[in-house]
Amino acid sequence: MLPDMKPTVPKLAAEVILLGRPVGWSEQKVAAAEEGMNSGNGNSVDYEVLQLQPSELTSALEKFGQTSPGGLAVLVPSEPDVARVLSVNAPTDIKMTVVASALPPSLPNSWQAVVPSRLEVSYALGYLSAILAQEDGTRAVGLFGVHSPSVQRSEVEAALAGIYAVNPNLAAAPIHISASVGVASAPRTTVGNTYVPSSVASTPIYSNTAQVVLSFTSVARYRHSFETSGSRIFSMSDSRLAAPVVAVPGTPSPEALNVVFSEYAAGKWQPGMRTVHSQSLLRFLSGSLPASLLAESHAVEDSLRNGTVDPRSVWTNLPSAVRTVWSSRVFGTS
């Protein structure tokens, strides 16, 4: 071998498969992110982008498994197709990654899910719901599903941090659905200049009142009650954008491939959940929110992505009396 010649290192194979019309993704947008991906993985991943329908996925994966055993398939489905995609019979000799707005409950054990940070989503939803409540004059944000066993305390804290970062005088309190009176709220009081719930009593103090709601669980069962009250919902757990739901988590942007390919090239790819910073943290119902709020969404997403804002730090920097009230009256701890 001549002195100036270097051994050729074979590239790893990958396919990026866009299924349906995932929001924020296209062959062109993946290509636009290519420069960043190449700098991140040292040009060691040779990938192609396919635009397919979900019905074409099985045959495409079989072909990829035959030509590139041990390769990586990155699936980016549109939201309605996520469950269908997860049920596909994928070849066992290829690595499977799905990019989604939240961790799918039925994720196969051998698959990887690339999702946005739940804390960042919670903070952004809390922040934007507070801005809307402040602008429309309701000056209250109702927290729905806060006591659900599936809801992490850290997610609620991040949402509250976002709300109080906008204005500590906004009234934030858990709400519930009452068959007799509709949407209802727990009583409120103040600690210093900050509003907090005075109890978690089930007795409602108002009903059928239009309000801004931040929901930690799906509102599908209660859509009619919220719609009747005229509420606007920022939801952590819904993927369908239709009134009264005006904001939901977004699918990570194509830049997330930089993380996936870098770990794949380094031999560090692992199944399970992989959270990423995203340039498309949220999706919004078209025409449902003021342009000023959408502009704020870009600002808060940038702050979360570049680390200027850390939801945990914002929460811990709130007055200890405020955190204590939420801990004892809502979380059940002191």
Protein backbone atom coordinates (compact mmCIF):
# COMPACT_ATOMS: atom_id res chain seq x y z
CA MET A 1 0.00 0.00 0.00
CA LEU A 2 1.34 3.44 -0.91
CA PRO A 3 2.18 5.68 2.08
CA ASP A 4 -0.46 8.27 1.27
CA MET A 5 -3.25 5.77 0.78
CA LYS A 6 -5.74 5.15 3.58
CA PRO A 7 -7.82 2.01 4.01
CA THR A 8 -11.40 2.36 2.87
CA VAL A 9 -13.91 2.12 5.71
CA PRO A 10 -17.24 0.67 4.56
CA LYS A 11 -20.22 2.89 5.27
CA LEU A 12 -23.12 1.76 7.40
CA ALA A 13 -26.45 1.46 5.62
CA ALA A 14 -29.64 3.24 6.65
CA GLU A 15 -33.04 4.00 5.20
CA VAL A 16 -35.23 6.92 6.23
CA ILE A 17 -38.81 5.95 5.41
CA LEU A 18 -41.44 8.70 5.39
CA LEU A 19 -44.90 7.18 5.76
CA GLY A 20 -47.89 9.20 4.65
CA ARG A 21 -47.23 12.91 5.15
CA PRO A 22 -45.49 13.41 8.51
CA VAL A 23 -45.61 17.07 9.55
CA GLY A 24 -42.28 18.83 9.06
CA TRP A 25 -40.69 16.04 7.02
CA SER A 26 -40.02 15.61 3.31
CA GLU A 27 -37.21 14.31 1.15
CA GLN A 28 -36.12 17.91 0.61
CA LYS A 29 -36.04 18.70 4.34
CA VAL A 30 -34.02 15.58 5.09
CA ALA A 31 -31.59 16.57 2.35
CA ALA A 32 -31.33 20.06 3.85
CA ALA A 33 -30.25 18.50 7.15
CA GLU A 34 -27.61 16.35 5.41
CA GLU A 35 -24.70 18.70 6.08
CA GLY A 36 -25.29 18.54 9.80
CA MET A 37 -25.71 14.79 9.69
CA ASN A 38 -22.46 14.30 7.78
CA SER A 39 -20.52 16.47 10.22
CA GLY A 40 -22.02 14.52 13.11
CA ASN A 41 -21.35 10.98 11.90
CA GLY A 42 -18.16 11.50 9.92
CA ASN A 43 -19.78 10.58 6.60
CA SER A 44 -19.92 6.98 7.84
CA VAL A 45 -23.64 6.39 7.20
CA ASP A 46 -24.89 5.86 3.67
CA TYR A 47 -28.63 6.50 3.70
CA GLU A 48 -31.49 6.97 1.30
CA VAL A 49 -34.93 8.50 1.78
CA LEU A 50 -38.11 6.70 0.72
CA GLN A 51 -41.61 8.18 0.58
CA LEU A 52 -44.08 5.33 1.05
CA GLN A 53 -47.60 4.51 2.11
CA PRO A 54 -47.95 2.35 5.25
CA SER A 55 -49.18 -0.54 3.10
CA GLU A 56 -45.81 -0.59 1.31
CA LEU A 57 -43.70 -0.74 4.48
CA THR A 58 -43.43 -4.51 4.97
CA SER A 59 -42.05 -5.21 1.51
CA ALA A 60 -39.64 -2.26 1.76
CA LEU A 61 -38.25 -3.54 5.07
CA GLU A 62 -37.88 -7.07 3.72
CA LYS A 63 -35.89 -5.74 0.76
CA PHE A 64 -33.71 -3.59 3.02
CA GLY A 65 -33.06 -6.54 5.32
CA GLN A 66 -31.89 -8.62 2.36
CA THR A 67 -29.57 -5.98 0.93
CA SER A 68 -28.33 -4.46 4.19
CA PRO A 69 -28.45 -6.94 7.09
CA GLY A 70 -27.63 -5.13 10.32
CA GLY A 71 -28.71 -1.81 8.81
CA LEU A 72 -30.88 0.87 10.39
CA ALA A 73 -34.42 1.71 9.27
CA VAL A 74 -35.77 5.04 10.53
CA LEU A 75 -39.55 5.26 10.21
CA VAL A 76 -41.27 8.65 10.27
CA PRO A 77 -45.04 8.07 10.15
CA SER A 78 -47.80 10.64 10.10
CA GLU A 79 -49.55 10.69 13.49
CA PRO A 80 -52.60 8.60 12.46
CA ASP A 81 -50.29 5.85 11.19
CA VAL A 82 -48.04 5.39 14.24
CA ALA A 83 -49.94 2.43 15.74
CA ARG A 84 -50.20 0.71 12.36
CA VAL A 85 -46.49 1.11 11.71
CA LEU A 86 -45.56 -0.44 15.06
CA SER A 87 -47.45 -3.62 14.19
CA VAL A 88 -45.37 -4.32 11.09
CA ASN A 89 -43.36 -7.56 10.98
CA ALA A 90 -39.85 -6.17 10.61
CA PRO A 91 -36.86 -8.39 9.80
CA THR A 92 -35.01 -9.31 12.99
CA ASP A 93 -31.59 -8.51 11.53
CA ILE A 94 -32.14 -4.77 11.09
CA LYS A 95 -32.37 -2.01 13.67
CA MET A 96 -35.72 -0.21 13.86
CA THR A 97 -36.20 3.42 14.92
CA VAL A 98 -39.52 5.27 14.84
CA VAL A 99 -39.71 9.06 15.14
CA ALA A 100 -42.88 10.13 16.96
CA SER A 101 -44.37 12.92 19.05
CA ALA A 102 -44.53 10.72 22.17
CA LEU A 103 -43.39 7.30 23.35
CA PRO A 104 -45.83 4.80 21.80
CA PRO A 105 -47.33 2.54 24.49
CA SER A 106 -46.99 -0.48 22.20
CA LEU A 107 -43.34 0.05 21.19
CA PRO A 108 -41.76 -3.36 20.43
CA ASN A 109 -38.93 -4.24 22.81
CA SER A 110 -36.31 -4.27 20.06
CA TRP A 111 -37.31 -0.89 18.61
CA GLN A 112 -36.10 2.61 19.38
CA ALA A 113 -38.46 5.59 19.65
CA VAL A 114 -37.07 9.08 19.07
CA VAL A 115 -39.33 11.58 20.81
CA PRO A 116 -39.21 15.15 22.15
CA SER A 117 -38.46 15.71 25.83
CA ARG A 118 -41.67 15.51 27.86
CA LEU A 119 -40.36 18.16 30.24
CA GLU A 120 -39.69 20.55 27.37
CA VAL A 121 -43.12 19.88 25.88
CA SER A 122 -44.75 20.43 29.30
CA TYR A 123 -42.89 23.68 29.87
CA ALA A 124 -43.71 25.01 26.39
CA LEU A 125 -47.40 24.12 26.72
CA GLY A 126 -47.55 25.73 30.15
CA TYR A 127 -45.78 28.85 28.93
CA LEU A 128 -47.98 29.29 25.85
CA SER A 129 -51.23 28.47 27.64
CA ALA A 130 -50.35 31.16 30.19
CA ILE A 131 -49.72 33.71 27.45
CA LEU A 132 -53.10 32.91 25.89
CA ALA A 133 -54.86 33.14 29.27
CA GLN A 134 -53.21 36.49 29.86
CA GLU A 135 -54.06 37.86 26.41
CA ASP A 136 -57.69 36.74 26.29
CA GLY A 137 -58.49 38.04 29.77
CA THR A 138 -59.40 34.73 31.44
CA ARG A 139 -56.16 34.91 33.49
CA ALA A 140 -56.59 31.27 34.50
CA VAL A 141 -55.10 27.99 33.33
CA GLY A 142 -56.92 24.80 34.27
CA LEU A 143 -54.80 21.67 34.72
CA PHE A 144 -56.68 18.56 33.61
CA GLY A 145 -55.60 14.98 34.41
CA VAL A 146 -53.00 16.12 36.92
CA HIS A 147 -53.87 13.23 39.29
CA SER A 148 -53.71 10.50 36.62
CA PRO A 149 -51.34 7.63 37.57
CA SER A 150 -49.71 7.91 34.14
CA VAL A 151 -48.68 11.54 34.70
CA GLN A 152 -45.21 12.17 36.05
CA ARG A 153 -44.82 14.76 38.78
CA SER A 154 -41.88 16.29 36.91
CA GLU A 155 -44.14 16.97 33.92
CA VAL A 156 -46.63 18.88 36.07
CA GLU A 157 -43.79 20.83 37.68
CA ALA A 158 -42.40 21.75 34.25
CA ALA A 159 -45.82 22.96 33.10
CA LEU A 160 -46.27 25.04 36.25
CA ALA A 161 -42.79 26.48 35.76
CA GLY A 162 -43.85 27.59 32.29
CA ILE A 163 -47.09 29.13 33.55
CA TYR A 164 -45.47 31.02 36.42
CA ALA A 165 -42.60 32.17 34.18
CA VAL A 166 -45.16 34.17 32.21
CA ASN A 167 -47.02 35.61 35.19
CA PRO A 168 -47.14 34.35 38.80
CA ASN A 169 -50.48 36.11 39.21
CA LEU A 170 -52.24 33.83 36.75
CA ALA A 171 -54.61 31.42 38.48
CA ALA A 172 -53.50 27.84 37.93
CA ALA A 173 -55.51 25.01 39.48
CA PRO A 174 -56.57 21.41 38.79
CA ILE A 175 -59.90 20.98 37.01
CA HIS A 176 -62.21 18.02 36.58
CA ILE A 177 -65.31 17.07 34.63
CA SER A 178 -68.60 16.98 36.54
CA ALA A 179 -71.61 15.32 34.96
CA SER A 180 -73.93 17.91 36.49
CA VAL A 181 -72.00 21.13 35.92
CA GLY A 182 -69.45 20.41 33.23
CA VAL A 183 -65.90 21.68 33.57
CA ALA A 184 -65.08 22.57 37.18
CA SER A 185 -62.09 23.84 39.13
CA ALA A 186 -60.58 23.41 42.56
CA PRO A 187 -60.70 26.50 44.82
CA ARG A 188 -57.74 28.88 44.63
CA THR A 189 -55.78 31.07 47.00
CA THR A 190 -52.49 32.95 46.96
CA VAL A 191 -49.01 32.47 48.41
CA GLY A 192 -47.39 35.86 48.24
CA ASN A 193 -48.21 37.08 44.74
CA THR A 194 -48.63 33.59 43.28
CA TYR A 195 -51.95 31.82 42.81
CA VAL A 196 -52.11 28.20 43.94
CA PRO A 197 -54.92 25.71 44.62
CA SER A 198 -56.23 25.99 48.18
CA SER A 199 -57.37 22.37 48.13
CA VAL A 200 -58.12 19.50 45.79
CA ALA A 201 -61.77 19.39 46.78
CA SER A 202 -64.13 17.98 44.18
CA THR A 203 -66.77 20.63 44.83
CA PRO A 204 -66.79 22.87 41.75
CA ILE A 205 -66.71 26.64 42.09
CA TYR A 206 -67.65 27.42 38.51
CA SER A 207 -68.97 25.52 35.54
CA ASN A 208 -69.29 25.70 31.77
CA THR A 209 -66.83 28.58 31.78
CA ALA A 210 -64.61 29.23 28.79
CA GLN A 211 -61.01 28.83 29.86
CA VAL A 212 -57.54 27.84 28.81
CA VAL A 213 -56.77 24.23 29.73
CA LEU A 214 -53.49 22.36 29.91
CA SER A 215 -54.27 18.63 29.77
CA PHE A 216 -51.84 15.92 30.81
CA THR A 217 -54.11 13.10 29.62
CA SER A 218 -56.18 12.61 26.49
CA VAL A 219 -59.38 14.66 26.39
CA ALA A 220 -61.00 12.47 23.72
CA ARG A 221 -63.70 11.21 26.13
CA TYR A 222 -64.48 14.71 27.34
CA ARG A 223 -64.20 16.63 24.10
CA HIS A 224 -67.89 17.58 24.08
CA SER A 225 -67.80 19.00 27.63
CA PHE A 226 -64.78 21.14 26.88
CA GLU A 227 -66.13 22.21 23.52
CA THR A 228 -69.46 23.20 25.07
CA SER A 229 -67.68 25.37 27.61
CA GLY A 230 -65.68 27.07 24.87
CA SER A 231 -62.38 25.98 26.36
CA ARG A 232 -59.14 25.85 24.40
CA ILE A 233 -56.90 22.93 25.26
CA PHE A 234 -53.13 22.56 25.14
CA SER A 235 -52.75 18.78 25.35
CA MET A 236 -49.76 16.67 26.33
CA SER A 237 -51.40 13.39 25.33
CA ASP A 238 -53.54 13.99 22.26
CA SER A 239 -52.27 13.81 18.68
CA ARG A 240 -55.46 14.90 16.92
CA LEU A 241 -55.71 18.63 16.32
CA ALA A 242 -59.40 19.54 16.29
CA ALA A 243 -61.40 21.96 18.42
CA PRO A 244 -61.19 22.33 21.34
CA VAL A 245 -57.61 20.95 21.18
CA VAL A 246 -55.40 23.74 19.80
CA ALA A 247 -51.86 22.51 20.58
CA VAL A 248 -50.21 19.08 20.85
CA PRO A 249 -46.65 17.70 20.91
CA GLY A 250 -44.91 17.73 17.54
CA THR A 251 -42.82 15.09 15.80
CA PRO A 252 -39.08 15.83 16.09
CA SER A 253 -37.67 17.62 13.05
CA PRO A 254 -35.26 16.01 10.52
CA GLU A 255 -32.28 17.36 12.50
CA ALA A 256 -33.00 14.52 14.97
CA LEU A 257 -31.37 12.21 12.43
CA ASN A 258 -28.04 13.72 13.42
CA VAL A 259 -28.39 12.15 16.86
CA VAL A 260 -29.67 8.82 15.54
CA PHE A 261 -27.00 8.44 12.86
CA SER A 262 -24.17 9.57 15.14
CA GLU A 263 -25.03 6.94 17.74
CA TYR A 264 -25.55 4.32 15.03
CA ALA A 265 -22.13 5.09 13.52
CA ALA A 266 -20.48 4.94 16.96
CA GLY A 267 -22.06 1.59 17.77
CA LYS A 268 -24.17 3.19 20.51
CA TRP A 269 -27.64 2.71 19.02
CA GLN A 270 -29.97 1.18 21.62
CA PRO A 271 -33.65 0.21 21.68
CA GLY A 272 -36.04 2.07 23.95
CA MET A 273 -36.79 5.77 24.27
CA ARG A 274 -34.35 8.40 23.00
CA THR A 275 -35.31 12.01 23.69
CA VAL A 276 -34.01 14.81 21.48
CA HIS A 277 -34.19 18.59 21.33
CA SER A 278 -36.54 19.50 18.53
CA GLN A 279 -37.13 22.47 16.26
CA SER A 280 -40.78 21.46 16.04
CA LEU A 281 -41.70 20.86 19.68
CA LEU A 282 -45.42 21.59 19.20
CA ARG A 283 -48.12 21.54 16.53
CA PHE A 284 -51.00 24.00 16.46
CA LEU A 285 -54.54 23.96 15.12
CA SER A 286 -54.54 26.25 12.11
CA GLY A 287 -56.33 29.54 12.68
CA SER A 288 -57.07 28.85 16.34
CA LEU A 289 -54.40 30.99 17.98
CA PRO A 290 -53.16 34.56 17.53
CA ALA A 291 -50.04 35.14 15.43
CA SER A 292 -48.31 36.69 18.43
CA LEU A 293 -48.59 33.43 20.36
CA LEU A 294 -47.17 31.42 17.46
CA ALA A 295 -44.20 33.80 17.41
CA GLU A 296 -43.74 33.20 21.13
CA SER A 297 -43.75 29.46 20.48
CA HIS A 298 -40.66 29.76 18.28
CA ALA A 299 -38.90 31.80 20.95
CA VAL A 300 -39.60 29.36 23.78
CA GLU A 301 -38.68 26.35 21.61
CA ASP A 302 -35.35 28.00 20.77
CA SER A 303 -34.69 28.73 24.46
CA LEU A 304 -35.38 25.13 25.42
CA ARG A 305 -33.34 23.70 22.56
CA ASN A 306 -30.22 25.79 23.21
CA GLY A 307 -30.40 25.32 26.99
CA THR A 308 -31.15 28.94 27.86
CA VAL A 309 -34.21 27.67 29.73
CA ASP A 310 -34.16 24.55 31.90
CA PRO A 311 -37.65 23.61 33.18
CA ARG A 312 -36.22 21.96 36.32
CA SER A 313 -34.25 25.08 37.22
CA VAL A 314 -37.24 27.34 36.65
CA TRP A 315 -39.31 25.15 38.99
CA THR A 316 -36.69 25.01 41.74
CA ASN A 317 -36.26 28.78 41.56
CA LEU A 318 -39.93 29.37 42.34
CA PRO A 319 -40.64 30.43 45.94
CA SER A 320 -40.38 27.42 48.24
CA ALA A 321 -43.80 28.21 49.69
CA VAL A 322 -45.37 27.85 46.24
CA ARG A 323 -43.65 24.53 45.60
CA THR A 324 -44.68 23.30 49.05
CA VAL A 325 -48.34 24.09 48.42
CA TRP A 326 -48.36 22.18 45.15
CA SER A 327 -46.49 19.28 46.74
CA SER A 328 -48.86 18.92 49.69
CA ARG A 329 -52.20 19.76 48.12
CA VAL A 330 -51.81 18.26 44.68
CA PHE A 331 -48.91 15.82 44.70
CA GLY A 332 -49.73 14.54 48.19
CA THR A 333 -46.27 15.07 49.67
CA SER A 334 -44.69 17.71 51.85
